[in-house]
Amino acid sequence: MADRQLTTLLTQLRTPSLPFPQSTTLLSKAKLLLLQLSALTPSPTVPPAHLTLAREVYELGALHSLRAKNPDSFTRYVSQLQPFYELPPASFPSPSQNQNKVTALWLLFLLTQGRYTEFHSDLEGLSTRASVAEVESDRFLGYPIKLERWLMEGAYDRVWKAMKKGEVPSEEFGVLCEVLTPQIRREIASSSERAYPNLPFLSAQSLLFLDSEGAVVDFANSRGWIIKDRTIYFPTAAELNSDEEGGGEQEQEKEASQMVIENTLGYARQLETIV
């Protein structure tokens, strides 16, 4: 009886556009049914069919949480999923349709939090499920891997392009990319401060992918930048140049930062030409 009721609830929960309050109510009912089936957590006594039902409840809970922009709820559901994902594939009658998606979203979530050590640790754990080539070629798993690689390389132009609405693998990835965007802007700003003493106002707007001049002014004020005669000056750069020693190393860092900025500006100008 409980498993049939649970199957009915899952059918409703598979609707992506379900309002979060409604999905929360359905998920609460689903977890009560899992409790009746003694399937809230995996154990040797839980039948494979019930394990499958429980796994999907938590997966759908994670996805609905992200769509509602509720990171705490998302984190809880991912935590509840981990014991199920650690089971051998033979424990289930069929593979999960959402495991790679949820795992990829978790990896992307770690990037938005700057938790790079956990990102790489979890990424290494995927080697028990598939080869490196299979992981990187997967539509979902490959996405956060590429973003992290480009972020480490300073290839922000590639990151901006990959985070555009038509490029993300699904709606939920777009939600996390919205969180990642300010972080990337801060990193580009830091590279700009190291690379140049100043930038033209419009170049800064293109570089940071800000929608309006007002947004540029707000961002500049938050960084302590000075705007004068349509030019943005970076006082931080001047302070660093006067205080630091080791000119050779500093010059190499400056050149690397300049390359990052030029690549990103080049991509921004290409977009402007297309538009």
Protein backbone atom coordinates (compact mmCIF):
# COMPACT_ATOMS: atom_id res chain seq x y z
CA MET A 1 0.00 0.00 0.00
CA ALA A 2 2.71 2.49 1.05
CA ASP A 3 4.84 1.75 -1.99
CA ARG A 4 1.89 2.39 -4.34
CA GLN A 5 1.19 5.70 -2.61
CA LEU A 6 4.85 6.59 -2.91
CA THR A 7 4.84 5.83 -6.64
CA THR A 8 1.87 8.19 -7.06
CA LEU A 9 3.68 10.96 -5.17
CA LEU A 10 6.79 10.51 -7.28
CA THR A 11 4.75 10.93 -10.44
CA GLN A 12 3.61 14.32 -9.13
CA LEU A 13 7.11 15.28 -7.99
CA ARG A 14 8.57 14.64 -11.45
CA THR A 15 6.84 17.83 -12.64
CA PRO A 16 9.66 20.41 -12.84
CA SER A 17 7.33 23.43 -12.59
CA LEU A 18 5.81 22.31 -9.30
CA PRO A 19 5.75 25.24 -6.81
CA PHE A 20 8.22 24.71 -3.97
CA PRO A 21 5.60 24.83 -1.15
CA GLN A 22 3.66 22.10 -2.95
CA SER A 23 6.76 20.00 -3.63
CA THR A 24 7.79 20.40 0.03
CA THR A 25 4.42 19.04 1.15
CA LEU A 26 4.65 16.08 -1.24
CA LEU A 27 8.23 15.35 -0.19
CA SER A 28 7.23 15.34 3.49
CA LYS A 29 4.50 12.81 2.72
CA ALA A 30 6.95 10.74 0.69
CA LYS A 31 9.45 10.60 3.55
CA LEU A 32 6.71 9.49 5.95
CA LEU A 33 5.90 6.65 3.57
CA LEU A 34 9.61 5.76 3.39
CA LEU A 35 9.60 5.63 7.18
CA GLN A 36 6.68 3.17 7.06
CA LEU A 37 8.70 1.05 4.61
CA SER A 38 11.83 1.33 6.81
CA ALA A 39 13.60 2.71 3.76
CA LEU A 40 14.72 6.17 4.87
CA THR A 41 18.32 4.89 4.84
CA PRO A 42 19.74 1.89 2.98
CA SER A 43 20.27 -1.38 4.81
CA PRO A 44 20.55 -5.07 3.82
CA THR A 45 16.93 -5.62 4.82
CA VAL A 46 15.50 -2.96 2.48
CA PRO A 47 14.20 -4.50 -0.78
CA PRO A 48 15.80 -3.16 -3.99
CA ALA A 49 12.48 -1.70 -5.17
CA HIS A 50 12.18 0.35 -1.99
CA LEU A 51 15.80 1.52 -2.28
CA THR A 52 14.96 2.79 -5.77
CA LEU A 53 11.93 4.69 -4.50
CA ALA A 54 13.92 6.28 -1.66
CA ARG A 55 16.75 7.28 -3.98
CA GLU A 56 14.36 9.06 -6.34
CA VAL A 57 12.58 10.86 -3.48
CA TYR A 58 15.87 12.40 -2.36
CA GLU A 59 16.97 13.17 -5.92
CA LEU A 60 13.74 14.99 -6.72
CA GLY A 61 13.99 16.79 -3.38
CA ALA A 62 17.46 18.02 -4.32
CA LEU A 63 16.29 19.24 -7.73
CA HIS A 64 13.20 21.01 -6.38
CA SER A 65 15.35 22.67 -3.71
CA LEU A 66 17.69 24.12 -6.31
CA ARG A 67 14.86 25.38 -8.49
CA ALA A 68 13.55 27.17 -5.39
CA LYS A 69 17.06 28.56 -4.71
CA ASN A 70 17.19 26.86 -1.32
CA PRO A 71 20.84 25.76 -0.86
CA ASP A 72 20.36 24.43 2.67
CA SER A 73 17.59 22.09 1.56
CA PHE A 74 19.65 21.03 -1.45
CA THR A 75 22.61 20.21 0.80
CA ARG A 76 20.44 18.09 3.10
CA TYR A 77 19.02 16.04 0.24
CA VAL A 78 22.46 15.45 -1.26
CA SER A 79 23.69 14.31 2.16
CA GLN A 80 20.78 11.86 2.40
CA LEU A 81 21.56 10.57 -1.10
CA GLN A 82 25.20 9.73 -0.47
CA PRO A 83 24.61 6.35 1.26
CA PHE A 84 22.44 5.29 -1.70
CA TYR A 85 25.04 6.38 -4.25
CA GLU A 86 27.70 4.40 -2.39
CA LEU A 87 25.79 1.14 -2.85
CA PRO A 88 26.86 -1.25 -5.65
CA PRO A 89 24.79 -0.83 -8.85
CA ALA A 90 23.46 -4.36 -8.36
CA SER A 91 21.59 -3.15 -5.27
CA PHE A 92 19.00 -1.50 -7.55
CA PRO A 93 16.78 -3.04 -10.21
CA SER A 94 17.63 -0.15 -12.57
CA PRO A 95 20.17 2.70 -12.71
CA SER A 96 19.24 6.18 -11.58
CA GLN A 97 18.14 8.67 -14.23
CA ASN A 98 19.24 11.59 -12.08
CA GLN A 99 22.45 10.50 -10.33
CA ASN A 100 24.88 12.14 -12.73
CA LYS A 101 22.79 15.29 -12.81
CA VAL A 102 22.56 15.62 -9.02
CA THR A 103 26.26 14.77 -8.62
CA ALA A 104 27.23 17.39 -11.19
CA LEU A 105 25.04 19.98 -9.49
CA TRP A 106 26.72 19.19 -6.18
CA LEU A 107 30.15 19.67 -7.77
CA LEU A 108 29.03 23.00 -9.20
CA PHE A 109 27.62 23.97 -5.81
CA LEU A 110 31.04 23.31 -4.26
CA LEU A 111 32.58 25.64 -6.85
CA THR A 112 30.14 28.41 -5.92
CA GLN A 113 31.27 28.00 -2.29
CA GLY A 114 34.97 28.03 -3.17
CA ARG A 115 35.30 24.54 -1.65
CA TYR A 116 37.88 23.33 -4.16
CA THR A 117 39.40 20.63 -1.93
CA GLU A 118 36.00 18.95 -1.53
CA PHE A 119 35.39 19.38 -5.25
CA HIS A 120 38.51 17.43 -6.15
CA SER A 121 37.91 14.83 -3.45
CA ASP A 122 34.39 14.13 -4.74
CA LEU A 123 35.64 14.15 -8.31
CA GLU A 124 38.19 11.48 -7.47
CA GLY A 125 35.39 9.41 -5.95
CA LEU A 126 33.70 9.26 -9.35
CA SER A 127 36.55 7.09 -10.62
CA THR A 128 34.90 4.13 -8.88
CA ARG A 129 31.83 4.59 -11.11
CA ALA A 130 33.34 5.36 -14.51
CA SER A 131 36.55 6.15 -16.36
CA VAL A 132 37.89 9.69 -16.58
CA ALA A 133 36.90 9.87 -20.25
CA GLU A 134 33.33 8.73 -19.48
CA VAL A 135 32.99 11.24 -16.65
CA GLU A 136 34.29 14.19 -18.68
CA SER A 137 32.17 13.34 -21.72
CA ASP A 138 28.98 13.07 -19.67
CA ARG A 139 26.59 15.94 -20.42
CA PHE A 140 26.14 16.78 -16.75
CA LEU A 141 29.38 15.67 -15.04
CA GLY A 142 31.57 17.26 -17.70
CA TYR A 143 30.06 20.70 -17.11
CA PRO A 144 31.45 21.55 -13.61
CA ILE A 145 34.75 19.87 -14.52
CA LYS A 146 35.22 22.21 -17.48
CA LEU A 147 34.17 25.26 -15.49
CA GLU A 148 36.61 24.47 -12.68
CA ARG A 149 39.44 23.91 -15.17
CA TRP A 150 38.76 27.20 -16.95
CA LEU A 151 38.49 29.06 -13.64
CA MET A 152 41.89 27.72 -12.59
CA GLU A 153 43.35 28.74 -15.96
CA GLY A 154 41.79 32.19 -15.76
CA ALA A 155 39.88 31.49 -18.99
CA TYR A 156 36.93 33.59 -17.87
CA ASP A 157 35.80 34.17 -21.45
CA ARG A 158 35.07 30.44 -21.73
CA VAL A 159 33.33 30.43 -18.36
CA TRP A 160 31.05 33.34 -19.34
CA LYS A 161 30.13 31.59 -22.56
CA ALA A 162 29.40 28.28 -20.80
CA MET A 163 27.15 29.98 -18.25
CA LYS A 164 24.89 31.60 -20.84
CA LYS A 165 21.28 30.45 -20.61
CA GLY A 166 21.38 28.33 -23.77
CA GLU A 167 24.64 26.61 -22.77
CA VAL A 168 23.82 25.19 -19.33
CA PRO A 169 22.75 21.52 -19.24
CA SER A 170 19.47 22.26 -17.40
CA GLU A 171 17.54 24.88 -15.45
CA GLU A 172 19.11 23.89 -12.13
CA PHE A 173 22.64 24.58 -13.42
CA GLY A 174 21.51 28.08 -14.37
CA VAL A 175 20.48 28.73 -10.76
CA LEU A 176 23.98 27.88 -9.51
CA CYS A 177 25.63 29.87 -12.30
CA GLU A 178 23.79 32.94 -10.99
CA VAL A 179 25.58 32.35 -7.69
CA LEU A 180 28.93 31.79 -9.40
CA THR A 181 28.75 34.99 -11.49
CA PRO A 182 29.61 37.46 -8.66
CA GLN A 183 32.53 35.25 -7.64
CA ILE A 184 33.93 35.35 -11.17
CA ARG A 185 33.48 39.12 -11.32
CA ARG A 186 35.55 39.44 -8.15
CA GLU A 187 38.31 37.29 -9.63
CA ILE A 188 38.33 39.31 -12.87
CA ALA A 189 38.45 42.49 -10.80
CA SER A 190 41.48 41.21 -8.88
CA SER A 191 43.22 40.29 -12.15
CA SER A 192 42.47 43.78 -13.52
CA GLU A 193 43.98 45.40 -10.43
CA ARG A 194 47.17 43.36 -10.85
CA ALA A 195 47.42 43.89 -14.60
CA TYR A 196 46.68 47.57 -15.14
CA PRO A 197 46.70 50.89 -13.29
CA ASN A 198 43.39 51.81 -14.96
CA LEU A 199 40.78 50.76 -17.54
CA PRO A 200 38.35 52.71 -19.74
CA PHE A 201 34.87 52.74 -18.20
CA LEU A 202 33.22 50.89 -21.10
CA SER A 203 35.98 48.26 -21.18
CA ALA A 204 35.37 47.56 -17.50
CA GLN A 205 31.64 47.22 -18.18
CA SER A 206 32.30 44.70 -20.96
CA LEU A 207 34.96 42.89 -18.97
CA LEU A 208 32.69 42.39 -15.95
CA PHE A 209 29.57 41.66 -18.05
CA LEU A 210 27.56 44.30 -16.20
CA ASP A 211 24.28 45.40 -17.74
CA SER A 212 24.40 49.12 -17.05
CA GLU A 213 26.72 52.00 -16.24
CA GLY A 214 25.04 52.28 -12.87
CA ALA A 215 26.01 48.69 -12.11
CA VAL A 216 29.62 49.51 -13.01
CA VAL A 217 29.61 52.50 -10.64
CA ASP A 218 28.19 50.34 -7.82
CA PHE A 219 30.77 47.62 -8.42
CA ALA A 220 33.61 50.15 -8.61
CA ASN A 221 32.55 51.72 -5.32
CA SER A 222 32.44 48.28 -3.66
CA ARG A 223 36.08 47.72 -4.71
CA GLY A 224 37.29 51.19 -3.74
CA TRP A 225 38.02 52.09 -7.36
CA ILE A 226 38.13 55.71 -8.50
CA ILE A 227 36.12 56.86 -11.52
CA LYS A 228 37.36 59.98 -13.27
CA ASP A 229 36.88 61.21 -16.86
CA ARG A 230 35.27 57.93 -17.96
CA THR A 231 38.26 55.97 -16.66
CA ILE A 232 38.45 53.60 -13.72
CA TYR A 233 41.64 53.77 -11.62
CA PHE A 234 42.80 50.93 -9.40
CA PRO A 235 44.47 52.37 -6.29
CA THR A 236 45.10 48.86 -4.99
CA ALA A 237 47.46 48.17 -7.89
CA ALA A 238 49.53 51.26 -7.13
CA GLU A 239 49.81 50.29 -3.47
CA LEU A 240 50.90 46.77 -4.35
CA ASN A 241 53.50 47.98 -6.82
CA SER A 242 55.08 50.29 -4.23
CA ASP A 243 55.01 47.80 -1.36
CA GLU A 244 56.06 44.50 -2.96
CA GLU A 245 59.58 43.32 -3.76
CA GLY A 246 60.72 40.71 -6.25
CA GLY A 247 60.15 42.48 -9.54
CA GLY A 248 60.59 39.40 -11.77
CA GLU A 249 57.89 37.34 -10.09
CA GLN A 250 55.59 40.37 -9.90
CA GLU A 251 56.09 41.07 -13.60
CA GLN A 252 55.21 37.46 -14.53
CA GLU A 253 52.01 37.69 -12.47
CA LYS A 254 51.17 40.99 -14.15
CA GLU A 255 51.67 39.50 -17.62
CA ALA A 256 49.46 36.51 -16.76
CA SER A 257 46.75 38.82 -15.46
CA GLN A 258 46.97 40.95 -18.61
CA MET A 259 46.47 37.85 -20.76
CA VAL A 260 43.39 36.87 -18.76
CA ILE A 261 41.90 40.35 -19.13
CA GLU A 262 42.68 40.61 -22.86
CA ASN A 263 41.08 37.22 -23.55
CA THR A 264 37.96 38.14 -21.60
CA LEU A 265 37.70 41.56 -23.23
CA GLY A 266 38.11 39.95 -26.65
CA TYR A 267 35.18 37.63 -25.96
CA ALA A 268 33.06 40.54 -24.69
CA ARG A 269 33.75 42.52 -27.87
CA GLN A 270 32.79 39.51 -30.02
CA LEU A 271 29.45 39.37 -28.20
CA GLU A 272 28.87 43.07 -28.78
CA THR A 273 29.58 42.57 -32.51
CA ILE A 274 27.10 39.67 -32.70
CA VAL A 275 24.41 41.67 -30.89
